[in-house]
């Protein structure tokens, strides 16, 4: 199942996915955390 709607609205779906699939999702979330600040600054 997908995360409840209130979790999605709170932008916390990533946390629910980490809990359900820690090995896969920690790696994916780490990529976001390390990459998006630079991507944001470039767009700014």
ModelCIF file with pLDDT and N, C-alpha, C, O atoms, coordinates in Angstrom:
data_MODEL
#
_entry.id   MODEL 
#
_entity.id                         1 
_entity.type                       polymer 
_entity.pdbx_number_of_molecules   1 
#
_entity_poly.entity_id                      1 
_entity_poly.type                           'polypeptide(L)' 
_entity_poly.nstd_linkage                   no 
_entity_poly.nstd_monomer                   no 
_entity_poly.pdbx_seq_one_letter_code       
;(UNK)(UNK)(UNK)(UNK)(UNK)(UNK)(UNK)(UNK)(UNK)(UNK)(UNK)(UNK)(UNK)(UNK)(UNK)(UNK)
(UNK)(UNK)(UNK)(UNK)(UNK)(UNK)(UNK)(UNK)(UNK)(UNK)(UNK)(UNK)(UNK)(UNK)(UNK)(UNK)
(UNK)(UNK)(UNK)(UNK)(UNK)(UNK)(UNK)(UNK)(UNK)(UNK)(UNK)(UNK)
;
_entity_poly.pdbx_seq_one_letter_code_can   XXXXXXXXXXXXXXXXXXXXXXXXXXXXXXXXXXXXXXXXXXXX 
_entity_poly.pdbx_strand_id                 A 
#
loop_
_entity_poly_seq.entity_id 
_entity_poly_seq.num 
_entity_poly_seq.mon_id 
_entity_poly_seq.hetero 
1 1  UNK n 
1 2  UNK n 
1 3  UNK n 
1 4  UNK n 
1 5  UNK n 
1 6  UNK n 
1 7  UNK n 
1 8  UNK n 
1 9  UNK n 
1 10 UNK n 
1 11 UNK n 
1 12 UNK n 
1 13 UNK n 
1 14 UNK n 
1 15 UNK n 
1 16 UNK n 
1 17 UNK n 
1 18 UNK n 
1 19 UNK n 
1 20 UNK n 
1 21 UNK n 
1 22 UNK n 
1 23 UNK n 
1 24 UNK n 
1 25 UNK n 
1 26 UNK n 
1 27 UNK n 
1 28 UNK n 
1 29 UNK n 
1 30 UNK n 
1 31 UNK n 
1 32 UNK n 
1 33 UNK n 
1 34 UNK n 
1 35 UNK n 
1 36 UNK n 
1 37 UNK n 
1 38 UNK n 
1 39 UNK n 
1 40 UNK n 
1 41 UNK n 
1 42 UNK n 
1 43 UNK n 
1 44 UNK n 
#
_struct_asym.id          A 
_struct_asym.entity_id   1 
#
loop_
_ma_qa_metric.id 
_ma_qa_metric.mode 
_ma_qa_metric.name 
_ma_qa_metric.software_group_id 
_ma_qa_metric.type 
1 global pLDDT . pLDDT 
2 local  pLDDT . pLDDT 
#
_ma_qa_metric_global.metric_id      1 
_ma_qa_metric_global.metric_value   67.09 
_ma_qa_metric_global.model_id       1 
_ma_qa_metric_global.ordinal_id     1 
#
loop_
_ma_qa_metric_local.label_asym_id 
_ma_qa_metric_local.label_comp_id 
_ma_qa_metric_local.label_seq_id 
_ma_qa_metric_local.metric_id 
_ma_qa_metric_local.metric_value 
_ma_qa_metric_local.model_id 
_ma_qa_metric_local.ordinal_id 
A UNK 1  2 57.00 1 1  
A UNK 2  2 58.00 1 2  
A UNK 3  2 57.00 1 3  
A UNK 4  2 60.00 1 4  
A UNK 5  2 61.00 1 5  
A UNK 6  2 57.00 1 6  
A UNK 7  2 51.00 1 7  
A UNK 8  2 56.00 1 8  
A UNK 9  2 59.00 1 9  
A UNK 10 2 54.00 1 10 
A UNK 11 2 56.00 1 11 
A UNK 12 2 52.00 1 12 
A UNK 13 2 58.00 1 13 
A UNK 14 2 54.00 1 14 
A UNK 15 2 53.00 1 15 
A UNK 16 2 57.00 1 16 
A UNK 17 2 59.00 1 17 
A UNK 18 2 54.00 1 18 
A UNK 19 2 54.00 1 19 
A UNK 20 2 62.00 1 20 
A UNK 21 2 61.00 1 21 
A UNK 22 2 59.00 1 22 
A UNK 23 2 60.00 1 23 
A UNK 24 2 62.00 1 24 
A UNK 25 2 58.00 1 25 
A UNK 26 2 64.00 1 26 
A UNK 27 2 65.00 1 27 
A UNK 28 2 68.00 1 28 
A UNK 29 2 65.00 1 29 
A UNK 30 2 73.00 1 30 
A UNK 31 2 70.00 1 31 
A UNK 32 2 75.00 1 32 
A UNK 33 2 73.00 1 33 
A UNK 34 2 78.00 1 34 
A UNK 35 2 82.00 1 35 
A UNK 36 2 84.00 1 36 
A UNK 37 2 86.00 1 37 
A UNK 38 2 90.00 1 38 
A UNK 39 2 92.00 1 39 
A UNK 40 2 90.00 1 40 
A UNK 41 2 91.00 1 41 
A UNK 42 2 93.00 1 42 
A UNK 43 2 93.00 1 43 
A UNK 44 2 91.00 1 44 
#
loop_
_atom_site.group_PDB 
_atom_site.id 
_atom_site.type_symbol 
_atom_site.label_atom_id 
_atom_site.label_alt_id 
_atom_site.label_comp_id 
_atom_site.label_asym_id 
_atom_site.label_entity_id 
_atom_site.label_seq_id 
_atom_site.pdbx_PDB_ins_code 
_atom_site.Cartn_x 
_atom_site.Cartn_y 
_atom_site.Cartn_z 
_atom_site.occupancy 
_atom_site.B_iso_or_equiv 
_atom_site.pdbx_formal_charge 
_atom_site.auth_seq_id 
_atom_site.auth_comp_id 
_atom_site.auth_asym_id 
_atom_site.auth_atom_id 
_atom_site.pdbx_PDB_model_num 
ATOM 1   N N  . UNK A 1 1  ? 0.815  -1.201 0.000   1.00 57.00 ? 1  UNK A N  1 
ATOM 2   C CA . UNK A 1 1  ? 0.000  0.000  0.000   1.00 57.00 ? 1  UNK A CA 1 
ATOM 3   C C  . UNK A 1 1  ? 0.860  1.267  0.000   1.00 57.00 ? 1  UNK A C  1 
ATOM 4   O O  . UNK A 1 1  ? 1.989  1.276  0.491   1.00 57.00 ? 1  UNK A O  1 
ATOM 5   N N  . UNK A 1 2  ? 0.292  2.332  -0.565  1.00 58.00 ? 2  UNK A N  1 
ATOM 6   C CA . UNK A 1 2  ? 0.939  3.632  -0.533  1.00 58.00 ? 2  UNK A CA 1 
ATOM 7   C C  . UNK A 1 2  ? 0.713  4.270  0.829   1.00 58.00 ? 2  UNK A C  1 
ATOM 8   O O  . UNK A 1 2  ? -0.168 3.854  1.580   1.00 58.00 ? 2  UNK A O  1 
ATOM 9   N N  . UNK A 1 3  ? 1.509  5.274  1.139   1.00 57.00 ? 3  UNK A N  1 
ATOM 10  C CA . UNK A 1 3  ? 1.367  5.982  2.410   1.00 57.00 ? 3  UNK A CA 1 
ATOM 11  C C  . UNK A 1 3  ? 0.005  6.656  2.495   1.00 57.00 ? 3  UNK A C  1 
ATOM 12  O O  . UNK A 1 3  ? -0.572 6.990  1.460   1.00 57.00 ? 3  UNK A O  1 
ATOM 13  N N  . UNK A 1 4  ? -0.536 6.870  3.714   1.00 60.00 ? 4  UNK A N  1 
ATOM 14  C CA . UNK A 1 4  ? -1.802 7.593  3.868   1.00 60.00 ? 4  UNK A CA 1 
ATOM 15  C C  . UNK A 1 4  ? -1.701 9.003  3.286   1.00 60.00 ? 4  UNK A C  1 
ATOM 16  O O  . UNK A 1 4  ? -0.606 9.554  3.177   1.00 60.00 ? 4  UNK A O  1 
ATOM 17  N N  . UNK A 1 5  ? -2.827 9.579  2.917   1.00 61.00 ? 5  UNK A N  1 
ATOM 18  C CA . UNK A 1 5  ? -2.846 10.879 2.258   1.00 61.00 ? 5  UNK A CA 1 
ATOM 19  C C  . UNK A 1 5  ? -2.231 11.969 3.119   1.00 61.00 ? 5  UNK A C  1 
ATOM 20  O O  . UNK A 1 5  ? -1.578 12.872 2.596   1.00 61.00 ? 5  UNK A O  1 
ATOM 21  N N  . UNK A 1 6  ? -2.433 11.900 4.450   1.00 57.00 ? 6  UNK A N  1 
ATOM 22  C CA . UNK A 1 6  ? -1.874 12.955 5.300   1.00 57.00 ? 6  UNK A CA 1 
ATOM 23  C C  . UNK A 1 6  ? -0.347 12.906 5.298   1.00 57.00 ? 6  UNK A C  1 
ATOM 24  O O  . UNK A 1 6  ? 0.312  13.938 5.421   1.00 57.00 ? 6  UNK A O  1 
ATOM 25  N N  . UNK A 1 7  ? 0.206  11.710 5.158   1.00 51.00 ? 7  UNK A N  1 
ATOM 26  C CA . UNK A 1 7  ? 1.666  11.570 5.068   1.00 51.00 ? 7  UNK A CA 1 
ATOM 27  C C  . UNK A 1 7  ? 2.165  12.172 3.752   1.00 51.00 ? 7  UNK A C  1 
ATOM 28  O O  . UNK A 1 7  ? 3.185  12.860 3.725   1.00 51.00 ? 7  UNK A O  1 
ATOM 29  N N  . UNK A 1 8  ? 1.434  11.906 2.658   1.00 56.00 ? 8  UNK A N  1 
ATOM 30  C CA . UNK A 1 8  ? 1.789  12.471 1.349   1.00 56.00 ? 8  UNK A CA 1 
ATOM 31  C C  . UNK A 1 8  ? 1.711  13.992 1.392   1.00 56.00 ? 8  UNK A C  1 
ATOM 32  O O  . UNK A 1 8  ? 2.609  14.678 0.903   1.00 56.00 ? 8  UNK A O  1 
ATOM 33  N N  . UNK A 1 9  ? 0.632  14.521 1.978   1.00 59.00 ? 9  UNK A N  1 
ATOM 34  C CA . UNK A 1 9  ? 0.448  15.973 2.055   1.00 59.00 ? 9  UNK A CA 1 
ATOM 35  C C  . UNK A 1 9  ? 1.536  16.641 2.882   1.00 59.00 ? 9  UNK A C  1 
ATOM 36  O O  . UNK A 1 9  ? 1.905  17.788 2.627   1.00 59.00 ? 9  UNK A O  1 
ATOM 37  N N  . UNK A 1 10 ? 2.045  15.919 3.870   1.00 54.00 ? 10 UNK A N  1 
ATOM 38  C CA . UNK A 1 10 ? 3.108  16.461 4.734   1.00 54.00 ? 10 UNK A CA 1 
ATOM 39  C C  . UNK A 1 10 ? 4.508  16.283 4.137   1.00 54.00 ? 10 UNK A C  1 
ATOM 40  O O  . UNK A 1 10 ? 5.509  16.589 4.785   1.00 54.00 ? 10 UNK A O  1 
ATOM 41  N N  . UNK A 1 11 ? 4.567  15.789 2.905   1.00 56.00 ? 11 UNK A N  1 
ATOM 42  C CA . UNK A 1 11 ? 5.844  15.548 2.207   1.00 56.00 ? 11 UNK A CA 1 
ATOM 43  C C  . UNK A 1 11 ? 6.712  14.545 2.964   1.00 56.00 ? 11 UNK A C  1 
ATOM 44  O O  . UNK A 1 11 ? 7.936  14.672 2.991   1.00 56.00 ? 11 UNK A O  1 
ATOM 45  N N  . UNK A 1 12 ? 6.075  13.553 3.575   1.00 52.00 ? 12 UNK A N  1 
ATOM 46  C CA . UNK A 1 12 ? 6.807  12.563 4.362   1.00 52.00 ? 12 UNK A CA 1 
ATOM 47  C C  . UNK A 1 12 ? 6.707  11.153 3.781   1.00 52.00 ? 12 UNK A C  1 
ATOM 48  O O  . UNK A 1 12 ? 7.015  10.174 4.460   1.00 52.00 ? 12 UNK A O  1 
ATOM 49  N N  . UNK A 1 13 ? 6.279  11.054 2.530   1.00 58.00 ? 13 UNK A N  1 
ATOM 50  C CA . UNK A 1 13 ? 6.141  9.725  1.930   1.00 58.00 ? 13 UNK A CA 1 
ATOM 51  C C  . UNK A 1 13 ? 7.481  9.003  1.858   1.00 58.00 ? 13 UNK A C  1 
ATOM 52  O O  . UNK A 1 13 ? 7.546  7.778  1.951   1.00 58.00 ? 13 UNK A O  1 
ATOM 53  N N  . UNK A 1 14 ? 8.558  9.785  1.690   1.00 54.00 ? 14 UNK A N  1 
ATOM 54  C CA . UNK A 1 14 ? 9.890  9.194  1.644   1.00 54.00 ? 14 UNK A CA 1 
ATOM 55  C C  . UNK A 1 14 ? 10.195 8.430  2.930   1.00 54.00 ? 14 UNK A C  1 
ATOM 56  O O  . UNK A 1 14 ? 10.854 7.390  2.900   1.00 54.00 ? 14 UNK A O  1 
ATOM 57  N N  . UNK A 1 15 ? 9.708  8.956  4.073   1.00 53.00 ? 15 UNK A N  1 
ATOM 58  C CA . UNK A 1 15 ? 9.953  8.306  5.358   1.00 53.00 ? 15 UNK A CA 1 
ATOM 59  C C  . UNK A 1 15 ? 9.212  6.977  5.440   1.00 53.00 ? 15 UNK A C  1 
ATOM 60  O O  . UNK A 1 15 ? 9.751  5.985  5.931   1.00 53.00 ? 15 UNK A O  1 
ATOM 61  N N  . UNK A 1 16 ? 7.978  6.966  4.957   1.00 57.00 ? 16 UNK A N  1 
ATOM 62  C CA . UNK A 1 16 ? 7.200  5.724  4.947   1.00 57.00 ? 16 UNK A CA 1 
ATOM 63  C C  . UNK A 1 16 ? 7.867  4.682  4.069   1.00 57.00 ? 16 UNK A C  1 
ATOM 64  O O  . UNK A 1 16 ? 7.884  3.497  4.404   1.00 57.00 ? 16 UNK A O  1 
ATOM 65  N N  . UNK A 1 17 ? 8.423  5.127  2.934   1.00 59.00 ? 17 UNK A N  1 
ATOM 66  C CA . UNK A 1 17 ? 9.085  4.174  2.031   1.00 59.00 ? 17 UNK A CA 1 
ATOM 67  C C  . UNK A 1 17 ? 10.379 3.636  2.638   1.00 59.00 ? 17 UNK A C  1 
ATOM 68  O O  . UNK A 1 17 ? 10.721 2.471  2.432   1.00 59.00 ? 17 UNK A O  1 
ATOM 69  N N  . UNK A 1 18 ? 11.098 4.470  3.380   1.00 54.00 ? 18 UNK A N  1 
ATOM 70  C CA . UNK A 1 18 ? 12.308 4.000  4.056   1.00 54.00 ? 18 UNK A CA 1 
ATOM 71  C C  . UNK A 1 18 ? 11.957 2.910  5.063   1.00 54.00 ? 18 UNK A C  1 
ATOM 72  O O  . UNK A 1 18 ? 12.667 1.912  5.180   1.00 54.00 ? 18 UNK A O  1 
ATOM 73  N N  . UNK A 1 19 ? 10.862 3.107  5.787   1.00 54.00 ? 19 UNK A N  1 
ATOM 74  C CA . UNK A 1 19 ? 10.437 2.132  6.787   1.00 54.00 ? 19 UNK A CA 1 
ATOM 75  C C  . UNK A 1 19 ? 10.053 0.807  6.119   1.00 54.00 ? 19 UNK A C  1 
ATOM 76  O O  . UNK A 1 19 ? 10.351 -0.267 6.641   1.00 54.00 ? 19 UNK A O  1 
ATOM 77  N N  . UNK A 1 20 ? 9.392  0.893  4.963   1.00 62.00 ? 20 UNK A N  1 
ATOM 78  C CA . UNK A 1 20 ? 8.922  -0.317 4.291   1.00 62.00 ? 20 UNK A CA 1 
ATOM 79  C C  . UNK A 1 20 ? 10.009 -1.007 3.474   1.00 62.00 ? 20 UNK A C  1 
ATOM 80  O O  . UNK A 1 20 ? 10.015 -2.233 3.363   1.00 62.00 ? 20 UNK A O  1 
ATOM 81  N N  . UNK A 1 21 ? 10.939 -0.224 2.895   1.00 61.00 ? 21 UNK A N  1 
ATOM 82  C CA . UNK A 1 21 ? 12.024 -0.785 2.077   1.00 61.00 ? 21 UNK A CA 1 
ATOM 83  C C  . UNK A 1 21 ? 13.347 -0.078 2.414   1.00 61.00 ? 21 UNK A C  1 
ATOM 84  O O  . UNK A 1 21 ? 13.882 0.655  1.583   1.00 61.00 ? 21 UNK A O  1 
ATOM 85  N N  . UNK A 1 22 ? 13.873 -0.293 3.620   1.00 59.00 ? 22 UNK A N  1 
ATOM 86  C CA . UNK A 1 22 ? 15.044 0.492  4.060   1.00 59.00 ? 22 UNK A CA 1 
ATOM 87  C C  . UNK A 1 22 ? 16.271 0.368  3.165   1.00 59.00 ? 22 UNK A C  1 
ATOM 88  O O  . UNK A 1 22 ? 16.919 1.373  2.872   1.00 59.00 ? 22 UNK A O  1 
ATOM 89  N N  . UNK A 1 23 ? 16.599 -0.829 2.728   1.00 60.00 ? 23 UNK A N  1 
ATOM 90  C CA . UNK A 1 23 ? 17.817 -1.019 1.934   1.00 60.00 ? 23 UNK A CA 1 
ATOM 91  C C  . UNK A 1 23 ? 17.759 -0.226 0.629   1.00 60.00 ? 23 UNK A C  1 
ATOM 92  O O  . UNK A 1 23 ? 18.727 0.436  0.254   1.00 60.00 ? 23 UNK A O  1 
ATOM 93  N N  . UNK A 1 24 ? 16.630 -0.297 -0.051  1.00 62.00 ? 24 UNK A N  1 
ATOM 94  C CA . UNK A 1 24 ? 16.465 0.381  -1.331  1.00 62.00 ? 24 UNK A CA 1 
ATOM 95  C C  . UNK A 1 24 ? 16.292 1.881  -1.161  1.00 62.00 ? 24 UNK A C  1 
ATOM 96  O O  . UNK A 1 24 ? 16.927 2.665  -1.866  1.00 62.00 ? 24 UNK A O  1 
ATOM 97  N N  . UNK A 1 25 ? 15.435 2.284  -0.229  1.00 58.00 ? 25 UNK A N  1 
ATOM 98  C CA . UNK A 1 25 ? 15.034 3.683  -0.145  1.00 58.00 ? 25 UNK A CA 1 
ATOM 99  C C  . UNK A 1 25 ? 16.075 4.574  0.530   1.00 58.00 ? 25 UNK A C  1 
ATOM 100 O O  . UNK A 1 25 ? 16.156 5.760  0.210   1.00 58.00 ? 25 UNK A O  1 
ATOM 101 N N  . UNK A 1 26 ? 16.864 4.043  1.445   1.00 64.00 ? 26 UNK A N  1 
ATOM 102 C CA . UNK A 1 26 ? 17.919 4.861  2.059   1.00 64.00 ? 26 UNK A CA 1 
ATOM 103 C C  . UNK A 1 26 ? 18.918 5.307  0.999   1.00 64.00 ? 26 UNK A C  1 
ATOM 104 O O  . UNK A 1 26 ? 19.376 6.450  1.007   1.00 64.00 ? 26 UNK A O  1 
ATOM 105 N N  . UNK A 1 27 ? 19.250 4.406  0.094   1.00 65.00 ? 27 UNK A N  1 
ATOM 106 C CA . UNK A 1 27 ? 20.170 4.750  -0.993  1.00 65.00 ? 27 UNK A CA 1 
ATOM 107 C C  . UNK A 1 27 ? 19.573 5.821  -1.891  1.00 65.00 ? 27 UNK A C  1 
ATOM 108 O O  . UNK A 1 27 ? 20.270 6.753  -2.293  1.00 65.00 ? 27 UNK A O  1 
ATOM 109 N N  . UNK A 1 28 ? 18.287 5.696  -2.211  1.00 68.00 ? 28 UNK A N  1 
ATOM 110 C CA . UNK A 1 28 ? 17.622 6.658  -3.087  1.00 68.00 ? 28 UNK A CA 1 
ATOM 111 C C  . UNK A 1 28 ? 17.502 8.021  -2.406  1.00 68.00 ? 28 UNK A C  1 
ATOM 112 O O  . UNK A 1 28 ? 17.744 9.054  -3.029  1.00 68.00 ? 28 UNK A O  1 
ATOM 113 N N  . UNK A 1 29 ? 17.131 8.017  -1.134  1.00 65.00 ? 29 UNK A N  1 
ATOM 114 C CA . UNK A 1 29 ? 16.998 9.281  -0.404  1.00 65.00 ? 29 UNK A CA 1 
ATOM 115 C C  . UNK A 1 29 ? 18.350 9.962  -0.212  1.00 65.00 ? 29 UNK A C  1 
ATOM 116 O O  . UNK A 1 29 ? 18.436 11.190 -0.223  1.00 65.00 ? 29 UNK A O  1 
ATOM 117 N N  . UNK A 1 30 ? 19.392 9.177  -0.038  1.00 73.00 ? 30 UNK A N  1 
ATOM 118 C CA . UNK A 1 30 ? 20.739 9.739  0.087   1.00 73.00 ? 30 UNK A CA 1 
ATOM 119 C C  . UNK A 1 30 ? 21.148 10.462 -1.186  1.00 73.00 ? 30 UNK A C  1 
ATOM 120 O O  . UNK A 1 30 ? 21.797 11.507 -1.140  1.00 73.00 ? 30 UNK A O  1 
ATOM 121 N N  . UNK A 1 31 ? 20.762 9.895  -2.324  1.00 70.00 ? 31 UNK A N  1 
ATOM 122 C CA . UNK A 1 31 ? 21.054 10.539 -3.608  1.00 70.00 ? 31 UNK A CA 1 
ATOM 123 C C  . UNK A 1 31 ? 20.367 11.894 -3.700  1.00 70.00 ? 31 UNK A C  1 
ATOM 124 O O  . UNK A 1 31 ? 20.960 12.867 -4.166  1.00 70.00 ? 31 UNK A O  1 
ATOM 125 N N  . UNK A 1 32 ? 19.110 11.953 -3.252  1.00 75.00 ? 32 UNK A N  1 
ATOM 126 C CA . UNK A 1 32 ? 18.374 13.222 -3.273  1.00 75.00 ? 32 UNK A CA 1 
ATOM 127 C C  . UNK A 1 32 ? 19.033 14.245 -2.358  1.00 75.00 ? 32 UNK A C  1 
ATOM 128 O O  . UNK A 1 32 ? 19.263 15.387 -2.756  1.00 75.00 ? 32 UNK A O  1 
ATOM 129 N N  . UNK A 1 33 ? 19.334 13.833 -1.140  1.00 73.00 ? 33 UNK A N  1 
ATOM 130 C CA . UNK A 1 33 ? 19.894 14.749 -0.142  1.00 73.00 ? 33 UNK A CA 1 
ATOM 131 C C  . UNK A 1 33 ? 21.226 15.327 -0.598  1.00 73.00 ? 33 UNK A C  1 
ATOM 132 O O  . UNK A 1 33 ? 21.510 16.502 -0.364  1.00 73.00 ? 33 UNK A O  1 
ATOM 133 N N  . UNK A 1 34 ? 22.042 14.505 -1.249  1.00 78.00 ? 34 UNK A N  1 
ATOM 134 C CA . UNK A 1 34 ? 23.365 14.970 -1.662  1.00 78.00 ? 34 UNK A CA 1 
ATOM 135 C C  . UNK A 1 34 ? 23.355 15.746 -2.982  1.00 78.00 ? 34 UNK A C  1 
ATOM 136 O O  . UNK A 1 34 ? 24.278 16.511 -3.260  1.00 78.00 ? 34 UNK A O  1 
ATOM 137 N N  . UNK A 1 35 ? 22.317 15.549 -3.789  1.00 82.00 ? 35 UNK A N  1 
ATOM 138 C CA . UNK A 1 35 ? 22.295 16.151 -5.123  1.00 82.00 ? 35 UNK A CA 1 
ATOM 139 C C  . UNK A 1 35 ? 21.444 17.410 -5.235  1.00 82.00 ? 35 UNK A C  1 
ATOM 140 O O  . UNK A 1 35 ? 21.832 18.361 -5.914  1.00 82.00 ? 35 UNK A O  1 
ATOM 141 N N  . UNK A 1 36 ? 20.293 17.426 -4.579  1.00 84.00 ? 36 UNK A N  1 
ATOM 142 C CA . UNK A 1 36 ? 19.331 18.498 -4.825  1.00 84.00 ? 36 UNK A CA 1 
ATOM 143 C C  . UNK A 1 36 ? 19.765 19.884 -4.347  1.00 84.00 ? 36 UNK A C  1 
ATOM 144 O O  . UNK A 1 36 ? 19.379 20.867 -4.978  1.00 84.00 ? 36 UNK A O  1 
ATOM 145 N N  . UNK A 1 37 ? 20.544 20.021 -3.273  1.00 86.00 ? 37 UNK A N  1 
ATOM 146 C CA . UNK A 1 37 ? 20.988 21.383 -2.934  1.00 86.00 ? 37 UNK A CA 1 
ATOM 147 C C  . UNK A 1 37 ? 21.744 22.061 -4.075  1.00 86.00 ? 37 UNK A C  1 
ATOM 148 O O  . UNK A 1 37 ? 21.512 23.235 -4.366  1.00 86.00 ? 37 UNK A O  1 
ATOM 149 N N  . UNK A 1 38 ? 22.649 21.322 -4.719  1.00 90.00 ? 38 UNK A N  1 
ATOM 150 C CA . UNK A 1 38 ? 23.392 21.887 -5.848  1.00 90.00 ? 38 UNK A CA 1 
ATOM 151 C C  . UNK A 1 38 ? 22.498 22.189 -7.028  1.00 90.00 ? 38 UNK A C  1 
ATOM 152 O O  . UNK A 1 38 ? 22.680 23.200 -7.706  1.00 90.00 ? 38 UNK A O  1 
ATOM 153 N N  . UNK A 1 39 ? 21.511 21.304 -7.284  1.00 92.00 ? 39 UNK A N  1 
ATOM 154 C CA . UNK A 1 39 ? 20.564 21.510 -8.377  1.00 92.00 ? 39 UNK A CA 1 
ATOM 155 C C  . UNK A 1 39 ? 19.712 22.744 -8.105  1.00 92.00 ? 39 UNK A C  1 
ATOM 156 O O  . UNK A 1 39 ? 19.438 23.531 -9.012  1.00 92.00 ? 39 UNK A O  1 
ATOM 157 N N  . UNK A 1 40 ? 19.294 22.910 -6.855  1.00 90.00 ? 40 UNK A N  1 
ATOM 158 C CA . UNK A 1 40 ? 18.491 24.080 -6.461  1.00 90.00 ? 40 UNK A CA 1 
ATOM 159 C C  . UNK A 1 40 ? 19.279 25.372 -6.664  1.00 90.00 ? 40 UNK A C  1 
ATOM 160 O O  . UNK A 1 40 ? 18.767 26.337 -7.231  1.00 90.00 ? 40 UNK A O  1 
ATOM 161 N N  . UNK A 1 41 ? 20.521 25.383 -6.199  1.00 91.00 ? 41 UNK A N  1 
ATOM 162 C CA . UNK A 1 41 ? 21.358 26.589 -6.311  1.00 91.00 ? 41 UNK A CA 1 
ATOM 163 C C  . UNK A 1 41 ? 21.591 26.955 -7.778  1.00 91.00 ? 41 UNK A C  1 
ATOM 164 O O  . UNK A 1 41 ? 21.569 28.130 -8.146  1.00 91.00 ? 41 UNK A O  1 
ATOM 165 N N  . UNK A 1 42 ? 21.811 25.947 -8.597  1.00 93.00 ? 42 UNK A N  1 
ATOM 166 C CA . UNK A 1 42 ? 22.021 26.195 -10.032 1.00 93.00 ? 42 UNK A CA 1 
ATOM 167 C C  . UNK A 1 42 ? 20.798 26.843 -10.662 1.00 93.00 ? 42 UNK A C  1 
ATOM 168 O O  . UNK A 1 42 ? 20.929 27.766 -11.465 1.00 93.00 ? 42 UNK A O  1 
ATOM 169 N N  . UNK A 1 43 ? 19.597 26.363 -10.303 1.00 93.00 ? 43 UNK A N  1 
ATOM 170 C CA . UNK A 1 43 ? 18.364 26.933 -10.855 1.00 93.00 ? 43 UNK A CA 1 
ATOM 171 C C  . UNK A 1 43 ? 18.134 28.346 -10.323 1.00 93.00 ? 43 UNK A C  1 
ATOM 172 O O  . UNK A 1 43 ? 17.647 29.215 -11.047 1.00 93.00 ? 43 UNK A O  1 
ATOM 173 N N  . UNK A 1 44 ? 18.483 28.571 -9.064  1.00 91.00 ? 44 UNK A N  1 
ATOM 174 C CA . UNK A 1 44 ? 18.334 29.903 -8.475  1.00 91.00 ? 44 UNK A CA 1 
ATOM 175 C C  . UNK A 1 44 ? 19.243 30.905 -9.180  1.00 91.00 ? 44 UNK A C  1 
ATOM 176 O O  . UNK A 1 44 ? 19.257 32.083 -8.824  1.00 91.00 ? 44 UNK A O  1 
#
